[in-house]
Amino acid sequence: MINPFKSKKGLGRGLSSLIGDSDIKKSDQKLSISSIVPNKNQPRKSFENTALEELTNSIKERGIIQPLIVRKSDDQNDKFELIAGERRWQAAQSAGLHEVPVVIIEADNLKSLELAIIENVQRKDLNPIEEAESYKNLMENFGYDHEKVSKFIGKSRSHIINSLRLLTLPERVINMIKEEKISQGHAKILVGLENSLLLAEKIIKKSLSVRQTESLVRFLKRGSKYYRSKDPNIIATENELTDKIGMKVILHNKKNNSGTLSFQYKEIGQLDRLINVIKKNY
């Protein structure tokens, strides 16, 4: 049977290599919309209304060209869980369709997440925070590390690290990124800054470009007592630890080499993970 995804080019590892011909049961099957449930690991959380309306109109005129990818639900009998194609599924409901074309595959939770991430990242459908949360999910729940995520997704290790660092920003700044009030380029500059929220608000108020934001941050750093007095090695250590564990780390070292090491967690899960690591190793 022909794999309907093999004609797609430029997908890197892509859906085709992840699915494989042997996993496809039927490529011409249809399922009722009511028998399909959302993917609990769907990395994409927000769907732009205008684009969804455009897709709905297209489906009304031409139907669904590319089938949805589903698997049998592991906790709901007679239901199928979406792996890829949630936007098409939502638009099909709005268009009044009762059935949709599907490809049914065998997939565990990891493969389901991999396929969902591949489709969304390659289509550039994820906002930067959704992308970062997808990588975090792979690492925390499926044992991936930076290198494995990098190879899997086809992006550099530095891209993965910089993406994950966005999650260390304050919640209000993260929401600004989700709402596209500031860009990923702006956000990268704000990572690790204690006044990141204030700067994000200034970016929006003054409509600063990424380059203007870089200049502003450089100016503030030159005048900052923190950056004039703090040992560059300590700053480098803070940044390295922040990248490694996904939590902001602050290191205060006194002249007698005593001091404090602080971890700023944003959710109880991060705190639990840190405590478990300490208990296991000390």
C-alpha atoms as a PDB file:
ATOM      1  CA  MET A   1       0.000   0.000   0.000  1.00  0.00           C
ATOM      2  CA  ILE A   2       1.266   3.453  -0.861  1.00  0.00           C
ATOM      3  CA  ASN A   3       2.268   5.643   2.021  1.00  0.00           C
ATOM      4  CA  PRO A   4       0.461   8.987   1.439  1.00  0.00           C
ATOM      5  CA  PHE A   5       3.251  10.881   3.202  1.00  0.00           C
ATOM      6  CA  LYS A   6       6.152   9.785   0.992  1.00  0.00           C
ATOM      7  CA  SER A   7       5.462  12.505  -1.551  1.00  0.00           C
ATOM      8  CA  LYS A   8       6.043  15.151   1.073  1.00  0.00           C
ATOM      9  CA  LYS A   9       9.535  16.623   0.777  1.00  0.00           C
ATOM     10  CA  GLY A  10      11.673  18.679   3.095  1.00  0.00           C
ATOM     11  CA  LEU A  11      10.394  17.094   6.293  1.00  0.00           C
ATOM     12  CA  GLY A  12      13.803  15.981   7.595  1.00  0.00           C
ATOM     13  CA  ARG A  13      13.190  12.718   9.403  1.00  0.00           C
ATOM     14  CA  GLY A  14       9.544  13.471   8.691  1.00  0.00           C
ATOM     15  CA  LEU A  15       6.256  11.662   9.070  1.00  0.00           C
ATOM     16  CA  SER A  16       7.064   9.031   6.460  1.00  0.00           C
ATOM     17  CA  SER A  17      10.108   7.619   8.230  1.00  0.00           C
ATOM     18  CA  LEU A  18       8.359   7.697  11.586  1.00  0.00           C
ATOM     19  CA  ILE A  19       5.195   5.980  10.352  1.00  0.00           C
ATOM     20  CA  GLY A  20       6.571   3.449   7.857  1.00  0.00           C
ATOM     21  CA  ASP A  21       4.498   1.562   5.327  1.00  0.00           C
ATOM     22  CA  SER A  22       4.109  -1.460   7.598  1.00  0.00           C
ATOM     23  CA  ASP A  23       2.324   0.577  10.264  1.00  0.00           C
ATOM     24  CA  ILE A  24      -0.459   1.783   7.970  1.00  0.00           C
ATOM     25  CA  LYS A  25      -3.584  -0.317   8.143  1.00  0.00           C
ATOM     26  CA  LYS A  26      -5.714   1.647   5.696  1.00  0.00           C
ATOM     27  CA  SER A  27      -5.080   4.914   3.913  1.00  0.00           C
ATOM     28  CA  ASP A  28      -8.579   5.231   2.440  1.00  0.00           C
ATOM     29  CA  GLN A  29     -10.598   4.628   5.597  1.00  0.00           C
ATOM     30  CA  LYS A  30     -13.047   7.125   7.044  1.00  0.00           C
ATOM     31  CA  LEU A  31     -14.144   7.562  10.649  1.00  0.00           C
ATOM     32  CA  SER A  32     -17.022   9.483  12.159  1.00  0.00           C
ATOM     33  CA  ILE A  33     -15.911  12.732  13.747  1.00  0.00           C
ATOM     34  CA  SER A  34     -17.556  11.720  17.016  1.00  0.00           C
ATOM     35  CA  SER A  35     -15.331   8.636  17.278  1.00  0.00           C
ATOM     36  CA  ILE A  36     -12.162  10.769  17.330  1.00  0.00           C
ATOM     37  CA  VAL A  37     -10.804  12.327  20.532  1.00  0.00           C
ATOM     38  CA  PRO A  38      -8.023  14.937  20.914  1.00  0.00           C
ATOM     39  CA  ASN A  39      -4.417  13.919  21.488  1.00  0.00           C
ATOM     40  CA  LYS A  40      -3.589  14.284  25.182  1.00  0.00           C
ATOM     41  CA  ASN A  41       0.035  14.978  24.169  1.00  0.00           C
ATOM     42  CA  GLN A  42      -0.840  17.511  21.462  1.00  0.00           C
ATOM     43  CA  PRO A  43       1.974  20.099  21.568  1.00  0.00           C
ATOM     44  CA  ARG A  44      -0.139  22.749  19.908  1.00  0.00           C
ATOM     45  CA  LYS A  45      -2.429  24.549  22.344  1.00  0.00           C
ATOM     46  CA  SER A  46      -3.632  27.594  20.377  1.00  0.00           C
ATOM     47  CA  PHE A  47      -5.320  27.716  16.982  1.00  0.00           C
ATOM     48  CA  GLU A  48      -5.624  31.032  15.148  1.00  0.00           C
ATOM     49  CA  ASN A  49      -9.298  31.738  14.443  1.00  0.00           C
ATOM     50  CA  THR A  50      -8.857  33.357  11.022  1.00  0.00           C
ATOM     51  CA  ALA A  51      -6.719  30.506   9.703  1.00  0.00           C
ATOM     52  CA  LEU A  52      -9.217  27.994  11.103  1.00  0.00           C
ATOM     53  CA  GLU A  53     -12.082  29.777   9.330  1.00  0.00           C
ATOM     54  CA  GLU A  54     -10.124  29.752   6.055  1.00  0.00           C
ATOM     55  CA  LEU A  55      -9.503  26.018   6.400  1.00  0.00           C
ATOM     56  CA  THR A  56     -13.183  25.448   7.190  1.00  0.00           C
ATOM     57  CA  ASN A  57     -14.199  27.241   3.977  1.00  0.00           C
ATOM     58  CA  SER A  58     -11.641  25.251   2.000  1.00  0.00           C
ATOM     59  CA  ILE A  59     -12.974  21.964   3.410  1.00  0.00           C
ATOM     60  CA  LYS A  60     -16.533  22.981   2.511  1.00  0.00           C
ATOM     61  CA  GLU A  61     -15.411  23.516  -1.089  1.00  0.00           C
ATOM     62  CA  ARG A  62     -12.891  20.705  -1.606  1.00  0.00           C
ATOM     63  CA  GLY A  63     -13.179  18.329   1.346  1.00  0.00           C
ATOM     64  CA  ILE A  64     -10.181  17.082   3.332  1.00  0.00           C
ATOM     65  CA  ILE A  65      -7.273  16.267   1.004  1.00  0.00           C
ATOM     66  CA  GLN A  66      -4.728  15.000   3.542  1.00  0.00           C
ATOM     67  CA  PRO A  67      -6.036  12.348   5.962  1.00  0.00           C
ATOM     68  CA  LEU A  68      -5.791  12.648   9.722  1.00  0.00           C
ATOM     69  CA  ILE A  69      -3.401  10.303  11.542  1.00  0.00           C
ATOM     70  CA  VAL A  70      -5.013   8.445  14.439  1.00  0.00           C
ATOM     71  CA  ARG A  71      -4.404   5.506  16.756  1.00  0.00           C
ATOM     72  CA  LYS A  72      -6.784   3.454  18.856  1.00  0.00           C
ATOM     73  CA  SER A  73      -7.441   5.159  22.171  1.00  0.00           C
ATOM     74  CA  ASP A  74      -5.844   3.316  25.061  1.00  0.00           C
ATOM     75  CA  ASP A  75      -8.413   4.469  27.603  1.00  0.00           C
ATOM     76  CA  GLN A  76     -11.663   4.905  25.635  1.00  0.00           C
ATOM     77  CA  ASN A  77     -13.226   1.909  23.887  1.00  0.00           C
ATOM     78  CA  ASP A  78     -14.327   2.400  20.276  1.00  0.00           C
ATOM     79  CA  LYS A  79     -12.529   5.755  20.133  1.00  0.00           C
ATOM     80  CA  PHE A  80      -9.499   6.868  18.135  1.00  0.00           C
ATOM     81  CA  GLU A  81      -6.986   9.421  19.388  1.00  0.00           C
ATOM     82  CA  LEU A  82      -5.658  12.095  17.057  1.00  0.00           C
ATOM     83  CA  ILE A  83      -1.930  12.069  16.430  1.00  0.00           C
ATOM     84  CA  ALA A  84      -1.741  14.637  13.643  1.00  0.00           C
ATOM     85  CA  GLY A  85      -4.404  16.812  12.053  1.00  0.00           C
ATOM     86  CA  GLU A  86      -6.253  18.443  14.949  1.00  0.00           C
ATOM     87  CA  ARG A  87      -6.752  21.691  13.008  1.00  0.00           C
ATOM     88  CA  ARG A  88      -8.304  19.709  10.117  1.00  0.00           C
ATOM     89  CA  TRP A  89     -10.488  17.844  12.609  1.00  0.00           C
ATOM     90  CA  GLN A  90     -11.744  21.078  14.193  1.00  0.00           C
ATOM     91  CA  ALA A  91     -12.349  22.674  10.797  1.00  0.00           C
ATOM     92  CA  ALA A  92     -14.207  19.573   9.598  1.00  0.00           C
ATOM     93  CA  GLN A  93     -16.574  19.894  12.561  1.00  0.00           C
ATOM     94  CA  SER A  94     -17.173  23.561  11.742  1.00  0.00           C
ATOM     95  CA  ALA A  95     -17.775  22.609   8.106  1.00  0.00           C
ATOM     96  CA  GLY A  96     -20.497  20.175   9.174  1.00  0.00           C
ATOM     97  CA  LEU A  97     -18.725  16.977   8.070  1.00  0.00           C
ATOM     98  CA  HIS A  98     -19.777  13.724   9.724  1.00  0.00           C
ATOM     99  CA  GLU A  99     -16.813  11.657   8.554  1.00  0.00           C
ATOM    100  CA  VAL A 100     -13.127  12.365   7.873  1.00  0.00           C
ATOM    101  CA  PRO A 101     -10.438  10.387   6.018  1.00  0.00           C
ATOM    102  CA  VAL A 102      -7.880   8.822   8.341  1.00  0.00           C
ATOM    103  CA  VAL A 103      -4.712   6.774   8.487  1.00  0.00           C
ATOM    104  CA  ILE A 104      -4.798   4.370  11.438  1.00  0.00           C
ATOM    105  CA  ILE A 105      -1.402   3.418  12.839  1.00  0.00           C
ATOM    106  CA  GLU A 106       0.017   1.514  15.773  1.00  0.00           C
ATOM    107  CA  ALA A 107       1.737   3.990  18.103  1.00  0.00           C
ATOM    108  CA  ASP A 108       2.663   4.140  21.771  1.00  0.00           C
ATOM    109  CA  ASN A 109       2.653   7.406  23.722  1.00  0.00           C
ATOM    110  CA  LEU A 110       6.213   8.303  22.685  1.00  0.00           C
ATOM    111  CA  LYS A 111       5.649   7.699  18.981  1.00  0.00           C
ATOM    112  CA  SER A 112       2.359   9.595  19.154  1.00  0.00           C
ATOM    113  CA  LEU A 113       4.149  12.585  20.669  1.00  0.00           C
ATOM    114  CA  GLU A 114       7.010  12.320  18.161  1.00  0.00           C
ATOM    115  CA  LEU A 115       4.588  12.384  15.217  1.00  0.00           C
ATOM    116  CA  ALA A 116       2.620  15.310  16.642  1.00  0.00           C
ATOM    117  CA  ILE A 117       5.806  17.314  17.209  1.00  0.00           C
ATOM    118  CA  ILE A 118       7.194  16.498  13.757  1.00  0.00           C
ATOM    119  CA  GLU A 119       4.013  17.598  12.007  1.00  0.00           C
ATOM    120  CA  ASN A 120       3.666  20.827  13.961  1.00  0.00           C
ATOM    121  CA  VAL A 121       7.340  21.851  13.982  1.00  0.00           C
ATOM    122  CA  GLN A 122       7.875  21.104  10.298  1.00  0.00           C
ATOM    123  CA  ARG A 123       4.726  23.042   9.392  1.00  0.00           C
ATOM    124  CA  LYS A 124       5.879  25.860  11.705  1.00  0.00           C
ATOM    125  CA  ASP A 125       2.486  25.641  13.439  1.00  0.00           C
ATOM    126  CA  LEU A 126       3.857  25.856  16.980  1.00  0.00           C
ATOM    127  CA  ASN A 127       4.571  29.115  18.735  1.00  0.00           C
ATOM    128  CA  PRO A 128       8.010  29.235  20.436  1.00  0.00           C
ATOM    129  CA  ILE A 129       6.592  28.297  23.844  1.00  0.00           C
ATOM    130  CA  GLU A 130       4.649  25.311  22.506  1.00  0.00           C
ATOM    131  CA  GLU A 131       7.809  24.164  20.733  1.00  0.00           C
ATOM    132  CA  ALA A 132       9.855  24.479  23.937  1.00  0.00           C
ATOM    133  CA  GLU A 133       7.213  22.651  25.954  1.00  0.00           C
ATOM    134  CA  SER A 134       7.260  19.821  23.394  1.00  0.00           C
ATOM    135  CA  TYR A 135      11.017  19.377  23.862  1.00  0.00           C
ATOM    136  CA  LYS A 136      10.583  19.556  27.635  1.00  0.00           C
ATOM    137  CA  ASN A 137       7.926  16.835  27.437  1.00  0.00           C
ATOM    138  CA  LEU A 138      10.284  14.576  25.481  1.00  0.00           C
ATOM    139  CA  MET A 139      13.036  15.131  28.038  1.00  0.00           C
ATOM    140  CA  GLU A 140      11.057  14.902  31.277  1.00  0.00           C
ATOM    141  CA  ASN A 141       8.600  12.145  30.356  1.00  0.00           C
ATOM    142  CA  PHE A 142      10.451  10.080  27.760  1.00  0.00           C
ATOM    143  CA  GLY A 143      14.100  10.291  28.801  1.00  0.00           C
ATOM    144  CA  TYR A 144      15.441  12.383  25.923  1.00  0.00           C
ATOM    145  CA  ASP A 145      18.467  14.653  26.388  1.00  0.00           C
ATOM    146  CA  HIS A 146      19.449  17.751  24.385  1.00  0.00           C
ATOM    147  CA  GLU A 147      21.444  15.709  21.879  1.00  0.00           C
ATOM    148  CA  LYS A 148      18.683  13.190  21.260  1.00  0.00           C
ATOM    149  CA  VAL A 149      16.055  15.912  20.802  1.00  0.00           C
ATOM    150  CA  SER A 150      18.422  17.686  18.402  1.00  0.00           C
ATOM    151  CA  LYS A 151      18.914  14.594  16.254  1.00  0.00           C
ATOM    152  CA  PHE A 152      15.239  13.685  16.341  1.00  0.00           C
ATOM    153  CA  ILE A 153      13.887  17.089  15.359  1.00  0.00           C
ATOM    154  CA  GLY A 154      16.689  17.954  12.917  1.00  0.00           C
ATOM    155  CA  LYS A 155      17.684  21.191  14.626  1.00  0.00           C
ATOM    156  CA  SER A 156      20.954  22.154  16.295  1.00  0.00           C
ATOM    157  CA  ARG A 157      21.595  21.418  19.953  1.00  0.00           C
ATOM    158  CA  SER A 158      21.987  25.161  20.600  1.00  0.00           C
ATOM    159  CA  HIS A 159      18.529  25.732  19.098  1.00  0.00           C
ATOM    160  CA  ILE A 160      17.035  23.164  21.490  1.00  0.00           C
ATOM    161  CA  ILE A 161      18.828  24.702  24.498  1.00  0.00           C
ATOM    162  CA  ASN A 162      17.812  28.255  23.561  1.00  0.00           C
ATOM    163  CA  SER A 163      14.257  27.098  23.006  1.00  0.00           C
ATOM    164  CA  LEU A 164      14.061  25.459  26.445  1.00  0.00           C
ATOM    165  CA  ARG A 165      15.556  28.551  28.102  1.00  0.00           C
ATOM    166  CA  LEU A 166      12.438  30.500  27.103  1.00  0.00           C
ATOM    167  CA  LEU A 167      10.558  28.489  29.732  1.00  0.00           C
ATOM    168  CA  THR A 168      12.691  30.090  32.472  1.00  0.00           C
ATOM    169  CA  LEU A 169      11.155  33.498  31.735  1.00  0.00           C
ATOM    170  CA  PRO A 170       8.423  34.899  34.019  1.00  0.00           C
ATOM    171  CA  GLU A 171       4.918  33.632  33.269  1.00  0.00           C
ATOM    172  CA  ARG A 172       3.737  37.045  32.076  1.00  0.00           C
ATOM    173  CA  VAL A 173       6.598  37.235  29.565  1.00  0.00           C
ATOM    174  CA  ILE A 174       5.820  33.694  28.390  1.00  0.00           C
ATOM    175  CA  ASN A 175       2.226  34.770  27.762  1.00  0.00           C
ATOM    176  CA  MET A 176       3.479  37.750  25.745  1.00  0.00           C
ATOM    177  CA  ILE A 177       5.364  35.321  23.509  1.00  0.00           C
ATOM    178  CA  LYS A 178       2.313  33.083  23.123  1.00  0.00           C
ATOM    179  CA  GLU A 179       0.188  36.095  22.207  1.00  0.00           C
ATOM    180  CA  GLU A 180       2.881  37.242  19.721  1.00  0.00           C
ATOM    181  CA  LYS A 181       3.296  40.566  21.501  1.00  0.00           C
ATOM    182  CA  ILE A 182       7.044  39.952  21.505  1.00  0.00           C
ATOM    183  CA  SER A 183       8.987  37.715  19.121  1.00  0.00           C
ATOM    184  CA  GLN A 184      11.229  34.760  19.851  1.00  0.00           C
ATOM    185  CA  GLY A 185      14.172  36.996  18.939  1.00  0.00           C
ATOM    186  CA  HIS A 186      13.157  39.466  21.642  1.00  0.00           C
ATOM    187  CA  ALA A 187      12.585  36.673  24.139  1.00  0.00           C
ATOM    188  CA  LYS A 188      16.057  35.159  23.681  1.00  0.00           C
ATOM    189  CA  ILE A 189      17.582  38.486  24.713  1.00  0.00           C
ATOM    190  CA  LEU A 190      15.448  38.615  27.861  1.00  0.00           C
ATOM    191  CA  VAL A 191      16.399  35.158  29.153  1.00  0.00           C
ATOM    192  CA  GLY A 192      18.388  35.374  32.383  1.00  0.00           C
ATOM    193  CA  LEU A 193      17.664  39.062  33.022  1.00  0.00           C
ATOM    194  CA  GLU A 194      16.181  39.941  36.398  1.00  0.00           C
ATOM    195  CA  ASN A 195      14.228  42.829  34.849  1.00  0.00           C
ATOM    196  CA  SER A 196      12.947  40.786  31.879  1.00  0.00           C
ATOM    197  CA  LEU A 197       9.282  41.639  32.524  1.00  0.00           C
ATOM    198  CA  LEU A 198      10.001  45.372  32.664  1.00  0.00           C
ATOM    199  CA  LEU A 199      11.992  45.136  29.438  1.00  0.00           C
ATOM    200  CA  ALA A 200       9.281  43.095  27.724  1.00  0.00           C
ATOM    201  CA  GLU A 201       6.722  45.764  28.584  1.00  0.00           C
ATOM    202  CA  LYS A 202       9.056  48.428  27.206  1.00  0.00           C
ATOM    203  CA  ILE A 203       9.518  46.429  23.971  1.00  0.00           C
ATOM    204  CA  ILE A 204       5.761  46.393  23.476  1.00  0.00           C
ATOM    205  CA  LYS A 205       5.179  50.012  24.504  1.00  0.00           C
ATOM    206  CA  LYS A 206       7.991  51.391  22.336  1.00  0.00           C
ATOM    207  CA  SER A 207       7.611  48.832  19.492  1.00  0.00           C
ATOM    208  CA  LEU A 208      11.331  48.066  19.779  1.00  0.00           C
ATOM    209  CA  SER A 209      12.978  45.888  17.150  1.00  0.00           C
ATOM    210  CA  VAL A 210      15.225  42.984  18.151  1.00  0.00           C
ATOM    211  CA  ARG A 211      18.302  45.065  17.341  1.00  0.00           C
ATOM    212  CA  GLN A 212      17.037  48.003  19.396  1.00  0.00           C
ATOM    213  CA  THR A 213      16.345  45.627  22.288  1.00  0.00           C
ATOM    214  CA  GLU A 214      19.896  44.255  22.099  1.00  0.00           C
ATOM    215  CA  SER A 215      21.281  47.786  22.243  1.00  0.00           C
ATOM    216  CA  LEU A 216      19.097  48.652  25.216  1.00  0.00           C
ATOM    217  CA  VAL A 217      20.172  45.541  27.140  1.00  0.00           C
ATOM    218  CA  ARG A 218      23.861  46.220  26.411  1.00  0.00           C
ATOM    219  CA  PHE A 219      23.439  49.765  27.708  1.00  0.00           C
ATOM    220  CA  LEU A 220      21.728  48.548  30.873  1.00  0.00           C
ATOM    221  CA  LYS A 221      24.387  45.900  31.472  1.00  0.00           C
ATOM    222  CA  ARG A 222      27.200  48.415  31.153  1.00  0.00           C
ATOM    223  CA  GLY A 223      25.576  50.506  33.846  1.00  0.00           C
ATOM    224  CA  SER A 224      24.644  47.570  36.044  1.00  0.00           C
ATOM    225  CA  LYS A 225      26.570  47.038  39.274  1.00  0.00           C
ATOM    226  CA  TYR A 226      25.765  43.358  38.946  1.00  0.00           C
ATOM    227  CA  TYR A 227      27.564  42.982  35.660  1.00  0.00           C
ATOM    228  CA  ARG A 228      30.459  45.237  36.683  1.00  0.00           C
ATOM    229  CA  SER A 229      31.201  43.369  39.894  1.00  0.00           C
ATOM    230  CA  LYS A 230      30.192  39.763  39.340  1.00  0.00           C
ATOM    231  CA  ASP A 231      32.883  37.334  38.259  1.00  0.00           C
ATOM    232  CA  PRO A 232      32.340  36.290  34.609  1.00  0.00           C
ATOM    233  CA  ASN A 233      33.092  32.692  35.619  1.00  0.00           C
ATOM    234  CA  ILE A 234      30.222  32.779  38.094  1.00  0.00           C
ATOM    235  CA  ILE A 235      27.880  34.227  35.462  1.00  0.00           C
ATOM    236  CA  ALA A 236      28.975  31.486  33.053  1.00  0.00           C
ATOM    237  CA  THR A 237      28.316  28.842  35.731  1.00  0.00           C
ATOM    238  CA  GLU A 238      24.858  30.290  36.395  1.00  0.00           C
ATOM    239  CA  ASN A 239      24.023  30.192  32.685  1.00  0.00           C
ATOM    240  CA  GLU A 240      25.354  26.649  32.288  1.00  0.00           C
ATOM    241  CA  LEU A 241      23.327  25.344  35.234  1.00  0.00           C
ATOM    242  CA  THR A 242      20.224  27.200  34.030  1.00  0.00           C
ATOM    243  CA  ASP A 243      20.565  25.548  30.613  1.00  0.00           C
ATOM    244  CA  LYS A 244      21.156  22.141  32.164  1.00  0.00           C
ATOM    245  CA  ILE A 245      18.241  21.938  34.582  1.00  0.00           C
ATOM    246  CA  GLY A 246      15.738  24.357  33.025  1.00  0.00           C
ATOM    247  CA  MET A 247      15.472  26.522  36.151  1.00  0.00           C
ATOM    248  CA  LYS A 248      17.041  29.911  36.746  1.00  0.00           C
ATOM    249  CA  VAL A 249      20.117  29.558  38.957  1.00  0.00           C
ATOM    250  CA  ILE A 250      21.646  32.386  41.008  1.00  0.00           C
ATOM    251  CA  LEU A 251      25.081  31.918  42.594  1.00  0.00           C
ATOM    252  CA  HIS A 252      26.362  34.337  45.233  1.00  0.00           C
ATOM    253  CA  ASN A 253      29.997  33.724  46.172  1.00  0.00           C
ATOM    254  CA  LYS A 254      31.589  35.771  48.981  1.00  0.00           C
ATOM    255  CA  LYS A 255      35.257  36.713  49.335  1.00  0.00           C
ATOM    256  CA  ASN A 256      35.836  33.843  51.764  1.00  0.00           C
ATOM    257  CA  ASN A 257      34.320  31.485  49.154  1.00  0.00           C
ATOM    258  CA  SER A 258      31.173  30.839  51.152  1.00  0.00           C
ATOM    259  CA  GLY A 259      27.831  31.778  49.656  1.00  0.00           C
ATOM    260  CA  THR A 260      24.427  30.646  48.418  1.00  0.00           C
ATOM    261  CA  LEU A 261      23.111  28.776  45.405  1.00  0.00           C
ATOM    262  CA  SER A 262      19.457  29.538  44.544  1.00  0.00           C
ATOM    263  CA  PHE A 263      17.078  27.723  42.191  1.00  0.00           C
ATOM    264  CA  GLN A 264      13.966  29.504  40.951  1.00  0.00           C
ATOM    265  CA  TYR A 265      11.238  26.994  40.079  1.00  0.00           C
ATOM    266  CA  LYS A 266       7.989  27.870  38.324  1.00  0.00           C
ATOM    267  CA  GLU A 267       5.923  24.806  39.148  1.00  0.00           C
ATOM    268  CA  ILE A 268       5.814  22.148  41.846  1.00  0.00           C
ATOM    269  CA  GLY A 269       6.934  19.495  39.339  1.00  0.00           C
ATOM    270  CA  GLN A 270      10.278  21.254  38.889  1.00  0.00           C
ATOM    271  CA  LEU A 271      10.768  21.414  42.649  1.00  0.00           C
ATOM    272  CA  ASP A 272       9.903  17.722  43.061  1.00  0.00           C
ATOM    273  CA  ARG A 273      12.346  16.774  40.290  1.00  0.00           C
ATOM    274  CA  LEU A 274      15.149  18.785  41.937  1.00  0.00           C
ATOM    275  CA  ILE A 275      14.458  17.280  45.363  1.00  0.00           C
ATOM    276  CA  ASN A 276      14.458  13.742  43.939  1.00  0.00           C
ATOM    277  CA  VAL A 277      17.812  14.327  42.222  1.00  0.00           C
ATOM    278  CA  ILE A 278      19.343  15.606  45.469  1.00  0.00           C
ATOM    279  CA  LYS A 279      17.918  12.679  47.484  1.00  0.00           C
ATOM    280  CA  LYS A 280      19.226  10.112  45.025  1.00  0.00           C
ATOM    281  CA  ASN A 281      22.729  11.526  44.906  1.00  0.00           C
ATOM    282  CA  TYR A 282      23.383  12.716  48.474  1.00  0.00           C
END
